[in-house]
Amino acid sequence: MKKIFTLLLISGLAAGIFAGCSSGKAQEAAGSTDSIGSAGVSGETSSGASSGGKVFTYARDSSTTSFDLHREITMNNAFAIDKVFEPLVIFDQDGNITDWLAKDHSISSDGLTYTFTLRDGVQFSDGTPMTAKDVVYSINRHLSTDGPLPLQGEISNVSAPDDHTVVITLGSAYTPFLAELANFSNGILPENLEGKSEEDFFKNPVGTGPFAVSSWDPSGDLTFVKNEHYWREGEPKIDKLVYKTVSDGNQALNQLKAGEVDAVESLSYANAEAVNSAADTRVLTSGSWNVEELFFNTLDEHFSDVHVRQALAQAIDRENLTKALTFGYGETANTILPNAIRYNTSDTVNALAFHTDAAKQELSESAYPDGFSTSILIPSGNNTRLQEAQIIQAAGQSIGITIQIDQQETAAFRDSFMNLNYSMMINSATADYPDADSIFSFQVDPDGFSKCYWTSYHSDDAAALWKEGQTEPDGDSRAKTYADLQQLLAEDVPYLPLYYPNVCIGVRSNVSGLEVLPNGSARFNDVTLN
């Protein structure tokens, strides 16, 4: 099974999916840098001043490199894919699941049969009607594609009794299934990709979403135009949406101040107050499905020792680290489950607290009582991650552990941790959909895509609790299972949660209707420029 935390894996793979207000993310711009080519759009300027109509320009730090929703995981791609393709159900700002391309749905009493009734009049952006056959094709393609975000439920059959009905049958109950369907990777494609090859179709993708691709440079900018066949009347309210690649955060801030862009996706916490206090700009923020973490490679001779991991956990003052780096836009984390997702026990879990003397005592019980030398891996060019690493470096020094900071360019950083060529690293995890399983599947399944987020951590007890949580219905029993799992992980410390960052987007004051989502994405359906 392959699973993400993101959207997206962040910082080289992207929770994360995976997607927010700096939170130390060095988002990946991996993939082809060859221009795909397009029809091109002319007459565009920012802030809606365009001969082609109302234009909204959105600064992002990484280019979109692919629209193949079944093979992508990084936020640079996911948050473009979700503008073109839509799923049967979606989640709102609070993580509630609501019907979308399906006008309603029902679940059988045994939890095995999901029946969706499709909306009337839904069309793809080329004017072709969407039918149940397109849904069946999309789900089956996802099931057959060897991608990073598979459907985890045991799907035994997908059928279309008629053009407006889709029935999905599971072989066993799987509680997260409906939430999983709300993920961007479960958007609906036209059947057989309209007879095109995958390469040709995804160069000029056709979906039911509010926008269609107009021009696209995988190493640069991306321009969407309004989907004239969109099923929601009056949406979107803008004519064009431009994803402008601005890799430097300070440059993006200056462009926001100057009105050259209408919003900045990854606004740093350090700049948030300046944006909020200016007359022409403000900050949109919400809780997130993201958690910043310190990861231990348990194959490393030092970090295979639980006493070493516990010692470092107690040596790090996470509360002050959070205050210093999030400027009030983050909350100290005690578990790996984001605080905006149900069943988070950060307030009640018995986590290892900051206590230098206890940390020294714990290290004395390890195989390395006199300390040792090691390294911490971070992406280069990321000041937040560098500051985090320096704080952890000082904490290690306080108990006799010498830590060298290893900064690597994003692609090299990604290769290093995916090949387990590291001792410690700092990275983020982002849930793709509003269910605890979205995080736990990625970080607890030893046989999964990431081998417990590239820590090689293995706990039969943790895996058993994770599996229980997948099948238990929502309620007290599932809550206890996840509480037990979070307690176990807090004691084993294969990864140390640092803080929960808020999603922050900087916008011009004349912008209204921009919906900030907890996975770090945004909806532009109702955006207007006053």
Protein backbone atom coordinates (compact mmCIF):
# COMPACT_ATOMS: atom_id res chain seq x y z
CA MET A 1 0.00 0.00 0.00
CA LYS A 2 1.20 3.47 -0.80
CA LYS A 3 0.04 6.42 1.15
CA ILE A 4 0.75 10.05 1.81
CA PHE A 5 0.29 12.23 4.71
CA THR A 6 -0.61 15.58 1.16
CA LEU A 7 -1.36 16.42 -0.20
CA LEU A 8 1.00 16.14 -0.41
CA LEU A 9 4.62 15.47 0.70
CA ILE A 10 6.27 18.72 1.57
CA SER A 11 9.90 19.72 1.30
CA GLY A 12 10.97 17.56 -1.53
CA LEU A 13 8.09 15.17 -1.90
CA ALA A 14 5.10 17.10 -0.73
CA ALA A 15 2.63 16.15 2.21
CA GLY A 16 2.14 17.59 1.72
CA ILE A 17 0.42 16.84 -0.11
CA PHE A 18 0.04 17.63 0.96
CA ALA A 19 0.15 22.02 1.49
CA GLY A 20 0.51 27.00 4.20
CA CYS A 21 2.03 29.76 6.09
CA SER A 22 5.70 28.95 5.52
CA SER A 23 5.79 26.31 8.27
CA GLY A 24 9.31 25.62 7.04
CA LYS A 25 8.17 24.07 3.79
CA ALA A 26 10.60 23.91 0.91
CA GLN A 27 8.17 22.69 -1.67
CA GLU A 28 9.38 20.56 -4.49
CA ALA A 29 9.63 21.83 -8.01
CA ALA A 30 10.72 18.44 -9.27
CA GLY A 31 9.83 16.93 -12.59
CA SER A 32 10.30 17.92 -16.19
CA THR A 33 11.44 21.44 -16.87
CA ASP A 34 10.72 21.24 -20.57
CA SER A 35 7.97 23.53 -21.77
CA ILE A 36 4.89 21.58 -22.76
CA GLY A 37 3.71 24.30 -25.07
CA SER A 38 0.23 25.74 -25.31
CA ALA A 39 -2.02 28.10 -27.13
CA GLY A 40 -0.81 30.96 -24.97
CA VAL A 41 -2.72 33.88 -23.50
CA SER A 42 -2.11 37.53 -24.19
CA GLY A 43 -3.25 40.77 -22.66
CA GLU A 44 -2.85 39.69 -19.03
CA THR A 45 -1.83 41.91 -16.16
CA SER A 46 -2.29 41.47 -12.43
CA SER A 47 -5.18 42.66 -10.29
CA GLY A 48 -7.71 42.12 -13.02
CA ALA A 49 -6.34 44.71 -15.42
CA SER A 50 -6.52 42.75 -18.64
CA SER A 51 -7.93 42.99 -22.09
CA GLY A 52 -9.11 39.42 -21.54
CA GLY A 53 -11.27 40.14 -18.46
CA LYS A 54 -10.80 39.81 -14.71
CA VAL A 55 -7.46 38.20 -13.90
CA PHE A 56 -6.37 36.91 -10.49
CA THR A 57 -2.61 36.40 -10.09
CA TYR A 58 -1.45 33.97 -7.42
CA ALA A 59 2.22 33.79 -6.43
CA ARG A 60 3.48 30.26 -5.76
CA ASP A 61 7.03 29.16 -4.99
CA SER A 62 7.02 26.07 -7.25
CA SER A 63 5.84 25.44 -10.79
CA THR A 64 3.19 22.91 -11.74
CA THR A 65 4.86 20.01 -13.54
CA SER A 66 2.03 17.54 -14.12
CA PHE A 67 -1.78 17.20 -14.14
CA ASP A 68 -1.90 13.41 -13.92
CA LEU A 69 -3.94 13.25 -10.72
CA HIS A 70 -3.29 9.54 -10.19
CA ARG A 71 0.49 9.88 -10.28
CA GLU A 72 1.07 13.08 -8.35
CA ILE A 73 1.50 13.84 -4.67
CA THR A 74 3.29 17.20 -4.34
CA MET A 75 1.38 20.36 -3.52
CA ASN A 76 2.80 22.26 -6.49
CA ASN A 77 0.83 19.85 -8.68
CA ALA A 78 -2.07 18.89 -6.40
CA PHE A 79 -3.23 22.48 -5.96
CA ALA A 80 -3.40 22.94 -9.72
CA ILE A 81 -5.03 19.57 -10.38
CA ASP A 82 -7.88 20.40 -8.02
CA LYS A 83 -8.81 23.43 -10.13
CA VAL A 84 -9.39 21.26 -13.21
CA PHE A 85 -10.71 17.97 -11.83
CA GLU A 86 -13.41 17.50 -9.19
CA PRO A 87 -14.40 14.44 -7.09
CA LEU A 88 -17.81 13.07 -6.16
CA VAL A 89 -17.54 14.60 -2.69
CA ILE A 90 -15.39 17.41 -1.29
CA PHE A 91 -14.36 18.79 2.08
CA ASP A 92 -14.98 22.33 3.32
CA GLN A 93 -12.88 24.68 5.46
CA ASP A 94 -13.82 22.73 8.59
CA GLY A 95 -13.08 19.34 7.07
CA ASN A 96 -16.73 18.38 6.67
CA ILE A 97 -17.52 16.10 3.73
CA THR A 98 -20.22 17.32 1.36
CA ASP A 99 -21.62 16.04 -1.93
CA TRP A 100 -20.19 17.69 -5.03
CA LEU A 101 -20.40 16.00 -8.44
CA ALA A 102 -22.71 13.59 -6.65
CA LYS A 103 -25.92 15.30 -5.56
CA ASP A 104 -26.38 12.69 -2.84
CA HIS A 105 -25.03 9.38 -1.62
CA SER A 106 -25.97 6.49 0.66
CA ILE A 107 -23.97 3.88 2.55
CA SER A 108 -25.35 0.45 3.32
CA SER A 109 -25.74 -0.57 6.96
CA ASP A 110 -22.80 -2.99 6.71
CA GLY A 111 -20.56 -0.23 5.33
CA LEU A 112 -19.79 -2.15 2.15
CA THR A 113 -21.92 -0.47 -0.52
CA TYR A 114 -21.67 3.20 -1.49
CA THR A 115 -24.28 4.49 -3.94
CA PHE A 116 -23.83 7.91 -5.56
CA THR A 117 -26.45 9.79 -7.57
CA LEU A 118 -24.79 12.21 -9.98
CA ARG A 119 -25.93 15.77 -10.56
CA ASP A 120 -27.79 16.62 -13.73
CA GLY A 121 -26.16 18.81 -16.31
CA VAL A 122 -22.50 18.43 -15.32
CA GLN A 123 -20.20 18.90 -18.30
CA PHE A 124 -16.50 18.70 -18.91
CA SER A 125 -14.74 21.88 -19.96
CA ASP A 126 -15.07 20.91 -23.64
CA GLY A 127 -18.87 20.70 -23.30
CA THR A 128 -19.09 16.91 -23.17
CA PRO A 129 -21.64 15.62 -20.61
CA MET A 130 -20.25 13.75 -17.62
CA THR A 131 -21.90 10.38 -17.02
CA ALA A 132 -21.54 7.48 -14.61
CA LYS A 133 -19.26 5.75 -17.11
CA ASP A 134 -16.71 8.54 -16.65
CA VAL A 135 -16.79 7.99 -12.88
CA VAL A 136 -16.35 4.24 -13.25
CA TYR A 137 -13.43 4.78 -15.63
CA SER A 138 -11.79 7.30 -13.29
CA ILE A 139 -11.95 5.09 -10.23
CA ASN A 140 -10.75 2.04 -12.15
CA ARG A 141 -7.86 4.01 -13.63
CA HIS A 142 -6.88 5.12 -10.16
CA LEU A 143 -7.02 1.54 -8.93
CA SER A 144 -4.79 0.35 -11.77
CA THR A 145 -2.27 3.18 -11.64
CA ASP A 146 0.84 2.61 -9.60
CA GLY A 147 0.70 6.04 -8.00
CA PRO A 148 1.55 7.44 -4.56
CA LEU A 149 -2.05 8.05 -3.40
CA PRO A 150 -3.96 4.82 -3.97
CA LEU A 151 -7.49 4.15 -2.87
CA GLN A 152 -6.92 2.15 0.30
CA GLY A 153 -10.37 0.63 0.64
CA GLU A 154 -10.79 -2.93 -0.60
CA ILE A 155 -12.86 -2.06 -3.68
CA SER A 156 -14.34 -5.21 -5.19
CA ASN A 157 -16.57 -3.61 -7.81
CA VAL A 158 -17.43 -0.26 -9.42
CA SER A 159 -20.54 -0.18 -11.58
CA ALA A 160 -22.91 2.21 -13.34
CA PRO A 161 -26.52 0.89 -13.28
CA ASP A 162 -27.50 3.95 -15.31
CA ASP A 163 -25.97 7.23 -16.51
CA HIS A 164 -26.61 8.99 -13.19
CA THR A 165 -25.81 6.26 -10.66
CA VAL A 166 -22.50 4.83 -9.48
CA VAL A 167 -22.23 1.93 -7.04
CA ILE A 168 -18.94 1.13 -5.30
CA THR A 169 -18.74 -2.14 -3.40
CA LEU A 170 -16.07 -2.84 -0.80
CA GLY A 171 -14.86 -6.25 0.26
CA SER A 172 -14.56 -5.10 3.87
CA ALA A 173 -15.65 -2.05 5.84
CA TYR A 174 -13.26 0.89 5.58
CA THR A 175 -14.27 3.95 7.60
CA PRO A 176 -12.06 6.57 5.85
CA PHE A 177 -13.42 5.71 2.39
CA LEU A 178 -15.78 8.65 1.89
CA ALA A 179 -13.19 11.13 3.16
CA GLU A 180 -10.60 9.53 0.88
CA LEU A 181 -12.86 10.07 -2.13
CA ALA A 182 -12.71 13.81 -1.40
CA ASN A 183 -8.99 13.88 -2.17
CA PHE A 184 -7.78 15.64 -5.34
CA SER A 185 -6.52 12.31 -6.69
CA ASN A 186 -10.11 11.11 -7.02
CA GLY A 187 -11.23 13.75 -9.49
CA ILE A 188 -13.34 12.59 -12.43
CA LEU A 189 -11.81 12.18 -15.89
CA PRO A 190 -13.62 11.66 -19.20
CA GLU A 191 -13.89 7.98 -20.12
CA ASN A 192 -10.78 6.64 -21.91
CA LEU A 193 -9.28 10.15 -21.79
CA GLU A 194 -11.44 11.01 -24.82
CA GLY A 195 -9.41 8.58 -26.93
CA LYS A 196 -6.16 10.47 -26.38
CA SER A 197 -2.88 9.15 -25.09
CA GLU A 198 -2.07 9.95 -21.46
CA GLU A 199 0.69 12.28 -22.58
CA ASP A 200 -1.56 14.26 -24.90
CA PHE A 201 -4.52 14.37 -22.54
CA PHE A 202 -2.61 15.67 -19.54
CA LYS A 203 -0.88 18.31 -21.62
CA ASN A 204 -4.31 19.83 -22.19
CA PRO A 205 -6.46 18.28 -19.45
CA VAL A 206 -10.25 18.27 -19.59
CA GLY A 207 -12.20 18.17 -16.34
CA THR A 208 -15.40 19.40 -14.69
CA GLY A 209 -13.64 21.96 -12.48
CA PRO A 210 -14.12 25.74 -12.49
CA PHE A 211 -11.01 26.32 -14.60
CA ALA A 212 -9.39 24.98 -17.75
CA VAL A 213 -5.71 25.19 -18.66
CA SER A 214 -4.92 27.94 -21.17
CA SER A 215 -1.12 28.18 -21.11
CA TRP A 216 1.40 26.20 -19.14
CA ASP A 217 5.16 26.17 -18.73
CA PRO A 218 6.19 23.34 -16.37
CA SER A 219 9.25 25.36 -15.40
CA GLY A 220 7.36 28.63 -15.08
CA ASP A 221 3.85 30.04 -14.98
CA LEU A 222 0.44 28.48 -15.49
CA THR A 223 -2.68 30.28 -16.72
CA PHE A 224 -6.20 28.96 -16.25
CA VAL A 225 -9.29 30.36 -17.93
CA LYS A 226 -12.85 30.17 -16.70
CA ASN A 227 -14.62 26.93 -17.58
CA GLU A 228 -17.55 28.22 -19.63
CA HIS A 229 -19.36 24.92 -19.10
CA TYR A 230 -19.01 24.88 -15.32
CA TRP A 231 -22.03 23.34 -13.62
CA ARG A 232 -22.22 25.87 -10.77
CA GLU A 233 -24.01 28.88 -12.19
CA GLY A 234 -22.14 32.16 -11.90
CA GLU A 235 -18.83 30.54 -10.98
CA PRO A 236 -16.02 31.23 -11.20
CA LYS A 237 -16.37 34.98 -11.02
CA ILE A 238 -12.93 35.70 -12.44
CA ASP A 239 -12.04 35.09 -16.09
CA LYS A 240 -8.43 33.99 -15.60
CA LEU A 241 -6.35 32.57 -12.79
CA VAL A 242 -2.59 32.92 -13.16
CA TYR A 243 -0.20 30.81 -11.09
CA LYS A 244 2.93 32.94 -11.12
CA THR A 245 6.09 31.18 -10.00
CA VAL A 246 8.02 33.33 -7.52
CA SER A 247 10.52 31.12 -5.73
CA ASP A 248 11.86 33.83 -3.41
CA GLY A 249 9.52 34.62 -0.52
CA ASN A 250 10.70 38.21 -0.09
CA GLN A 251 10.26 38.84 -3.80
CA ALA A 252 6.72 37.49 -3.60
CA LEU A 253 6.01 39.80 -0.66
CA ASN A 254 7.29 42.81 -2.57
CA GLN A 255 5.12 41.90 -5.55
CA LEU A 256 2.10 41.63 -3.26
CA LYS A 257 2.79 45.06 -1.79
CA ALA A 258 3.22 46.54 -5.26
CA GLY A 259 0.01 44.97 -6.55
CA GLU A 260 1.86 42.86 -9.11
CA VAL A 261 0.19 39.77 -7.64
CA ASP A 262 -3.17 39.53 -5.89
CA ALA A 263 -2.17 36.86 -3.36
CA VAL A 264 0.81 34.86 -2.10
CA GLU A 265 0.28 31.18 -1.36
CA SER A 266 3.18 30.49 1.00
CA LEU A 267 3.44 33.59 3.13
CA SER A 268 6.18 33.32 5.73
CA TYR A 269 5.17 33.78 9.35
CA ALA A 270 7.86 36.41 9.72
CA ASN A 271 6.16 38.53 7.05
CA ALA A 272 2.58 37.93 8.17
CA GLU A 273 2.35 40.82 10.61
CA ALA A 274 3.73 43.28 8.07
CA VAL A 275 1.13 42.11 5.56
CA ASN A 276 -1.69 42.34 8.12
CA SER A 277 -0.75 45.83 9.27
CA ALA A 278 -0.42 47.36 5.79
CA ALA A 279 -3.31 49.32 4.33
CA ASP A 280 -3.48 47.43 1.05
CA THR A 281 -2.86 43.85 2.20
CA ARG A 282 -4.11 41.35 4.77
CA VAL A 283 -3.64 37.73 5.86
CA LEU A 284 -6.14 34.93 5.42
CA THR A 285 -5.47 32.08 7.84
CA SER A 286 -6.97 28.85 9.11
CA GLY A 287 -6.00 25.74 11.02
CA SER A 288 -4.21 23.16 8.92
CA TRP A 289 -3.80 19.43 8.43
CA ASN A 290 -0.05 19.94 8.62
CA VAL A 291 2.52 19.07 11.28
CA GLU A 292 6.21 19.96 11.33
CA GLU A 293 8.33 17.04 12.54
CA LEU A 294 11.82 15.85 13.35
CA PHE A 295 12.34 12.40 11.81
CA PHE A 296 14.79 9.72 12.97
CA ASN A 297 16.21 7.10 10.64
CA THR A 298 15.78 4.01 12.83
CA LEU A 299 18.28 2.13 10.65
CA ASP A 300 20.94 4.51 11.94
CA GLU A 301 22.95 2.89 14.73
CA HIS A 302 22.26 5.77 17.10
CA PHE A 303 18.57 6.31 16.43
CA SER A 304 17.72 2.62 16.48
CA ASP A 305 18.11 3.11 20.25
CA VAL A 306 14.82 4.34 21.72
CA HIS A 307 16.67 5.91 24.66
CA VAL A 308 18.54 8.19 22.27
CA ARG A 309 15.31 9.27 20.61
CA GLN A 310 13.66 9.87 23.95
CA ALA A 311 16.67 11.83 25.19
CA LEU A 312 16.60 14.22 22.25
CA ALA A 313 12.84 14.60 22.58
CA GLN A 314 13.33 15.82 26.15
CA ALA A 315 16.29 18.01 25.27
CA ILE A 316 14.31 20.11 22.75
CA ASP A 317 12.21 22.99 24.07
CA ARG A 318 9.42 22.67 21.51
CA GLU A 319 7.26 25.33 23.09
CA ASN A 320 9.89 28.04 22.71
CA LEU A 321 10.83 26.71 19.26
CA THR A 322 7.20 27.16 18.20
CA LYS A 323 6.99 30.68 19.63
CA ALA A 324 10.25 31.73 17.98
CA LEU A 325 9.41 30.42 14.52
CA THR A 326 5.65 30.74 14.03
CA PHE A 327 5.02 34.28 15.34
CA GLY A 328 1.72 33.21 16.81
CA TYR A 329 0.61 31.28 13.71
CA GLY A 330 1.46 27.86 15.08
CA GLU A 331 0.81 25.62 18.09
CA THR A 332 3.20 23.24 19.81
CA ALA A 333 2.51 19.67 18.71
CA ASN A 334 2.50 16.66 21.01
CA THR A 335 1.27 14.12 18.45
CA ILE A 336 1.71 13.59 14.73
CA LEU A 337 -2.02 13.97 14.10
CA PRO A 338 -2.74 17.59 13.06
CA ASN A 339 -4.88 19.48 15.54
CA ALA A 340 -7.47 20.35 12.88
CA ILE A 341 -8.29 16.65 12.37
CA ARG A 342 -10.66 14.67 14.56
CA TYR A 343 -9.15 12.43 17.25
CA ASN A 344 -6.09 14.62 17.86
CA THR A 345 -4.99 14.12 21.49
CA SER A 346 -2.28 16.80 21.73
CA ASP A 347 -3.89 18.19 24.90
CA THR A 348 -4.19 14.85 26.67
CA VAL A 349 -1.38 12.61 25.42
CA ASN A 350 1.47 12.00 27.87
CA ALA A 351 4.26 13.25 25.63
CA LEU A 352 7.92 13.62 26.59
CA ALA A 353 8.34 17.16 27.92
CA PHE A 354 11.36 19.47 27.83
CA HIS A 355 13.65 18.57 30.72
CA THR A 356 17.41 18.68 30.21
CA ASP A 357 18.31 16.64 33.30
CA ALA A 358 15.81 13.94 32.34
CA ALA A 359 17.26 13.97 28.83
CA LYS A 360 20.77 13.42 30.17
CA GLN A 361 19.54 10.58 32.35
CA GLU A 362 17.78 8.98 29.38
CA LEU A 363 20.94 9.20 27.26
CA SER A 364 22.93 7.56 30.07
CA GLU A 365 20.66 4.52 29.72
CA SER A 366 21.39 4.25 26.00
CA ALA A 367 24.27 2.52 24.22
CA TYR A 368 25.89 5.97 23.93
CA PRO A 369 25.98 7.41 27.45
CA ASP A 370 28.90 9.70 26.60
CA GLY A 371 27.19 11.13 23.54
CA PHE A 372 28.05 10.89 19.86
CA SER A 373 28.25 12.88 16.64
CA THR A 374 25.52 12.85 14.01
CA SER A 375 23.84 15.08 11.41
CA ILE A 376 20.46 16.60 10.60
CA LEU A 377 19.26 16.89 7.00
CA ILE A 378 17.33 19.96 5.78
CA PRO A 379 16.61 21.56 2.40
CA SER A 380 18.88 24.45 1.56
CA GLY A 381 17.50 27.96 1.13
CA ASN A 382 14.87 27.46 3.82
CA ASN A 383 15.51 29.84 6.70
CA THR A 384 12.79 28.40 8.91
CA ARG A 385 14.16 24.89 8.65
CA LEU A 386 17.67 26.22 9.26
CA GLN A 387 16.54 27.93 12.46
CA GLU A 388 14.77 24.76 13.57
CA ALA A 389 17.93 22.76 12.91
CA GLN A 390 20.05 25.25 14.88
CA ILE A 391 17.71 25.01 17.88
CA ILE A 392 17.86 21.20 17.72
CA GLN A 393 21.64 21.39 17.30
CA ALA A 394 21.94 23.42 20.50
CA ALA A 395 19.59 21.04 22.33
CA GLY A 396 21.74 18.09 21.32
CA GLN A 397 24.87 19.86 22.46
CA SER A 398 23.31 20.40 25.90
CA ILE A 399 23.27 16.62 26.49
CA GLY A 400 26.48 15.69 24.67
CA ILE A 401 25.22 15.00 21.15
CA THR A 402 27.11 16.89 18.43
CA ILE A 403 24.88 17.59 15.42
CA GLN A 404 26.14 18.78 12.05
CA ILE A 405 23.56 20.55 9.83
CA ASP A 406 23.48 19.05 6.35
CA GLN A 407 21.78 21.43 3.88
CA GLN A 408 20.98 19.99 0.46
CA GLU A 409 19.26 21.36 -2.62
CA THR A 410 15.63 20.25 -2.77
CA ALA A 411 16.05 17.40 -5.27
CA ALA A 412 19.11 16.06 -3.43
CA PHE A 413 17.31 16.46 -0.10
CA ARG A 414 14.43 14.39 -1.41
CA ASP A 415 16.71 11.69 -2.81
CA SER A 416 18.63 11.48 0.45
CA PHE A 417 15.69 10.90 2.73
CA MET A 418 13.84 8.63 0.28
CA ASN A 419 16.96 6.47 0.06
CA LEU A 420 17.35 6.57 3.85
CA ASN A 421 20.67 8.33 3.47
CA TYR A 422 20.30 10.47 6.57
CA SER A 423 20.36 10.25 10.38
CA MET A 424 17.81 12.93 11.32
CA MET A 425 15.80 15.26 9.13
CA ILE A 426 13.18 17.98 9.41
CA ASN A 427 10.12 17.70 7.20
CA SER A 428 6.38 18.28 7.22
CA ALA A 429 3.46 15.93 6.94
CA THR A 430 0.09 17.01 5.54
CA ALA A 431 -3.12 14.99 5.50
CA ASP A 432 -4.78 14.75 2.11
CA TYR A 433 -8.28 14.37 3.45
CA PRO A 434 -10.02 14.94 6.80
CA ASP A 435 -9.53 11.58 8.44
CA ALA A 436 -6.86 10.52 10.92
CA ASP A 437 -6.01 7.57 8.70
CA SER A 438 -4.56 9.94 6.11
CA ILE A 439 -1.65 10.64 8.47
CA PHE A 440 -1.37 7.30 10.25
CA SER A 441 -1.34 5.23 7.06
CA PHE A 442 1.69 7.11 5.86
CA GLN A 443 3.62 7.13 9.13
CA VAL A 444 2.69 3.82 10.74
CA ASP A 445 2.45 1.29 7.89
CA PRO A 446 5.89 -0.41 7.76
CA ASP A 447 5.07 -2.00 4.41
CA GLY A 448 3.72 1.15 2.81
CA PHE A 449 5.06 3.48 0.18
CA SER A 450 7.24 5.49 2.57
CA LYS A 451 8.21 2.80 5.12
CA CYS A 452 6.79 4.95 7.92
CA TYR A 453 7.83 8.22 6.30
CA TRP A 454 11.30 6.94 5.50
CA THR A 455 12.15 6.18 9.12
CA SER A 456 11.93 2.38 8.73
CA TYR A 457 10.14 2.38 12.07
CA HIS A 458 8.40 -0.91 12.74
CA SER A 459 5.96 -1.60 15.55
CA ASP A 460 3.49 -4.47 15.37
CA ASP A 461 1.41 -2.79 18.08
CA ALA A 462 1.27 0.51 16.20
CA ALA A 463 0.37 -1.25 12.95
CA ALA A 464 -2.39 -3.21 14.69
CA LEU A 465 -3.93 -0.05 16.18
CA TRP A 466 -3.74 1.68 12.81
CA LYS A 467 -5.59 -1.23 11.19
CA GLU A 468 -8.24 -1.19 13.91
CA GLY A 469 -8.86 2.49 13.31
CA GLN A 470 -9.53 1.84 9.64
CA THR A 471 -12.43 -0.49 10.29
CA GLU A 472 -14.01 0.91 13.46
CA PRO A 473 -16.96 3.26 12.88
CA ASP A 474 -16.53 6.84 14.02
CA GLY A 475 -17.21 7.17 17.72
CA ASP A 476 -15.78 6.40 21.15
CA SER A 477 -14.13 3.12 20.18
CA ARG A 478 -12.27 4.66 17.26
CA ALA A 479 -11.30 7.62 19.44
CA LYS A 480 -9.74 5.29 22.02
CA THR A 481 -7.85 3.35 19.35
CA TYR A 482 -6.31 6.52 17.99
CA ALA A 483 -5.58 7.83 21.48
CA ASP A 484 -3.69 4.60 22.25
CA LEU A 485 -1.80 4.86 18.96
CA GLN A 486 -0.78 8.47 19.60
CA GLN A 487 0.43 7.54 23.11
CA LEU A 488 2.49 4.66 21.76
CA LEU A 489 4.14 6.90 19.15
CA ALA A 490 4.79 9.60 21.74
CA GLU A 491 6.75 7.03 23.76
CA ASP A 492 8.59 5.33 20.88
CA VAL A 493 9.43 8.66 19.19
CA PRO A 494 10.27 7.47 15.67
CA TYR A 495 9.49 11.08 14.80
CA LEU A 496 9.09 14.05 17.09
CA PRO A 497 6.21 16.43 16.29
CA LEU A 498 7.34 20.04 16.65
CA TYR A 499 4.37 22.29 15.87
CA TYR A 500 1.12 22.60 13.97
CA PRO A 501 1.45 25.50 11.50
CA ASN A 502 -1.57 27.50 10.40
CA VAL A 503 -2.30 27.97 6.71
CA CYS A 504 -1.57 31.60 5.83
CA ILE A 505 -2.17 33.34 2.53
CA GLY A 506 -1.32 36.98 1.93
CA VAL A 507 -3.86 38.88 -0.18
CA ARG A 508 -4.53 42.36 -1.47
CA SER A 509 -7.26 44.16 0.45
CA ASN A 510 -9.51 44.34 -2.61
CA VAL A 511 -9.75 40.54 -2.77
CA SER A 512 -12.86 38.83 -1.45
CA GLY A 513 -14.29 35.33 -1.69
CA LEU A 514 -11.00 33.43 -1.50
CA GLU A 515 -11.58 30.22 0.48
CA VAL A 516 -8.56 28.92 2.39
CA LEU A 517 -8.57 25.15 2.87
CA PRO A 518 -6.88 23.25 5.73
CA ASN A 519 -4.73 21.19 3.37
CA GLY A 520 -3.09 24.41 2.14
CA SER A 521 -5.03 24.73 -1.09
CA ALA A 522 -7.53 27.48 -1.90
CA ARG A 523 -10.78 27.73 -3.83
CA PHE A 524 -11.17 30.60 -6.25
CA ASN A 525 -14.77 29.96 -7.31
CA ASP A 526 -16.16 33.03 -5.54
CA VAL A 527 -13.14 35.33 -5.80
CA THR A 528 -13.86 38.92 -6.79
CA LEU A 529 -11.58 41.94 -7.14
CA ASN A 530 -13.31 45.02 -5.80
